[in-house]
Amino acid sequence: MSKVVVHVDEPEKVAMAIGNVQNLLAALPTSTVVVVVNGPAITALADGAFDSLLTTYPQVEVDACHHAMRSHQLTTADLPAHVTVVPAGVVRLVTLQEQGYCYLRP
C-alpha cells in the first residue's frame, strides 16, 4: 500500500492535484492519500473546488493550514465538512514525510 501526501499551495494547481489523486487511486486503490492545502490555494477549499473529491473519495484526508486560513480570513465554518484543520501545513508535510509518505506536488 502506498502512502502519498499531495501538497497544494497554488489555486491554479488545484484541478491538477485533484486529477493526480483520482489517477493515483484508480491505479493504486488501497493507497492512503492526504492532501495538504496551504498558501493561496486555501481559498479553493472555501470556493468548493475540492467538494467532488471529498464526496467521491471520502477515504482521502484533506488538511487545511490554519495559518493560511487566518491570512485569507477563513474560518472552519467556511470549509467543507470532513476537512481537517492543521496548525501549520508545512509542519504537516514534514511530519507525513517522516512517517514514510511520498511527497507529490502538482
Protein backbone atom coordinates (compact mmCIF):
# COMPACT_ATOMS: atom_id res chain seq x y z
CA MET A 1 0.00 0.00 0.00
CA SER A 2 1.31 3.41 -0.96
CA LYS A 3 1.18 6.45 1.31
CA VAL A 4 1.15 9.76 -0.52
CA VAL A 5 0.88 13.37 0.59
CA VAL A 6 -0.23 15.81 -2.09
CA HIS A 7 0.83 19.41 -1.45
CA VAL A 8 -1.38 22.12 -2.96
CA ASP A 9 -0.39 25.74 -2.40
CA GLU A 10 -1.37 27.40 -5.69
CA PRO A 11 -5.01 27.86 -6.74
CA GLU A 12 -4.03 27.20 -10.37
CA LYS A 13 -2.84 23.71 -9.41
CA VAL A 14 -5.99 22.55 -7.59
CA ALA A 15 -7.56 20.83 -10.63
CA MET A 16 -4.27 19.10 -11.44
CA ALA A 17 -3.88 17.93 -7.84
CA ILE A 18 -7.40 16.50 -7.83
CA GLY A 19 -6.67 14.74 -11.12
CA ASN A 20 -3.45 13.34 -9.67
CA VAL A 21 -5.34 11.92 -6.69
CA GLN A 22 -8.00 10.40 -8.94
CA ASN A 23 -5.38 8.81 -11.20
CA LEU A 24 -3.39 7.53 -8.23
CA LEU A 25 -6.42 5.91 -6.63
CA ALA A 26 -7.54 4.40 -9.95
CA ALA A 27 -4.15 2.69 -10.29
CA LEU A 28 -3.46 2.02 -6.59
CA PRO A 29 -6.88 1.92 -4.89
CA THR A 30 -5.56 0.86 -1.49
CA SER A 31 -3.31 3.90 -1.19
CA THR A 32 -3.52 6.24 1.76
CA VAL A 33 -3.73 9.81 0.47
CA VAL A 34 -3.52 13.06 2.39
CA VAL A 35 -3.95 16.39 0.59
CA VAL A 36 -2.38 19.32 2.43
CA VAL A 37 -3.72 22.70 1.31
CA ASN A 38 -1.88 25.86 2.30
CA GLY A 39 -0.94 29.25 0.92
CA PRO A 40 -3.32 30.93 -1.55
CA ALA A 41 -4.84 27.56 -2.52
CA ILE A 42 -6.69 27.60 0.81
CA THR A 43 -9.36 29.74 -0.86
CA ALA A 44 -10.19 26.83 -3.19
CA LEU A 45 -11.48 24.89 -0.19
CA ALA A 46 -13.96 27.64 0.62
CA ASP A 47 -14.90 28.03 -3.06
CA GLY A 48 -15.95 24.38 -3.35
CA ALA A 49 -13.15 23.24 -5.68
CA PHE A 50 -12.49 20.16 -3.52
CA ASP A 51 -16.15 19.20 -2.98
CA SER A 52 -16.27 16.49 -5.66
CA LEU A 53 -13.03 14.94 -4.38
CA LEU A 54 -14.35 14.88 -0.82
CA THR A 55 -17.62 13.30 -1.95
CA THR A 56 -16.18 10.76 -4.39
CA TYR A 57 -13.18 9.75 -2.27
CA PRO A 58 -14.16 10.00 1.40
CA GLN A 59 -11.04 7.98 2.30
CA VAL A 60 -8.83 10.91 1.19
CA GLU A 61 -7.87 13.18 4.06
CA VAL A 62 -7.84 16.86 3.19
CA ASP A 63 -5.93 19.08 5.61
CA ALA A 64 -6.23 22.88 5.71
CA CYS A 65 -3.42 25.02 7.09
CA HIS A 66 -4.65 27.23 9.94
CA HIS A 67 -2.04 29.90 9.14
CA ALA A 68 -3.27 30.14 5.54
CA MET A 69 -6.87 30.24 6.72
CA ARG A 70 -6.10 33.11 9.05
CA SER A 71 -4.21 35.07 6.39
CA HIS A 72 -7.16 34.67 4.00
CA GLN A 73 -9.79 35.45 6.68
CA LEU A 74 -11.33 31.95 6.59
CA THR A 75 -12.81 30.05 9.50
CA THR A 76 -13.62 26.39 9.92
CA ALA A 77 -17.24 27.24 9.08
CA ASP A 78 -16.06 28.34 5.60
CA LEU A 79 -14.61 24.90 4.85
CA PRO A 80 -16.41 21.78 3.62
CA ALA A 81 -17.29 19.11 6.14
CA HIS A 82 -14.59 16.50 6.72
CA VAL A 83 -11.68 18.89 6.14
CA THR A 84 -9.16 18.72 8.96
CA VAL A 85 -7.60 21.98 10.12
CA VAL A 86 -3.92 21.56 11.00
CA PRO A 87 -1.88 24.19 12.85
CA ALA A 88 0.69 24.57 10.05
CA GLY A 89 0.67 22.99 6.60
CA VAL A 90 4.45 22.89 6.36
CA VAL A 91 4.72 21.03 9.65
CA ARG A 92 2.09 18.54 8.49
CA LEU A 93 4.05 17.94 5.27
CA VAL A 94 7.28 17.30 7.17
CA THR A 95 5.57 15.02 9.69
CA LEU A 96 3.93 12.90 6.99
CA GLN A 97 7.21 12.56 5.08
CA GLU A 98 8.90 11.44 8.31
CA GLN A 99 6.16 8.79 8.54
CA GLY A 100 7.09 7.45 5.11
CA TYR A 101 4.63 9.31 2.89
CA CYS A 102 5.79 10.06 -0.66
CA TYR A 103 5.60 13.77 -1.48
CA LEU A 104 3.71 14.86 -4.60
CA ARG A 105 3.35 18.45 -5.71
CA PRO A 106 1.50 19.04 -8.97
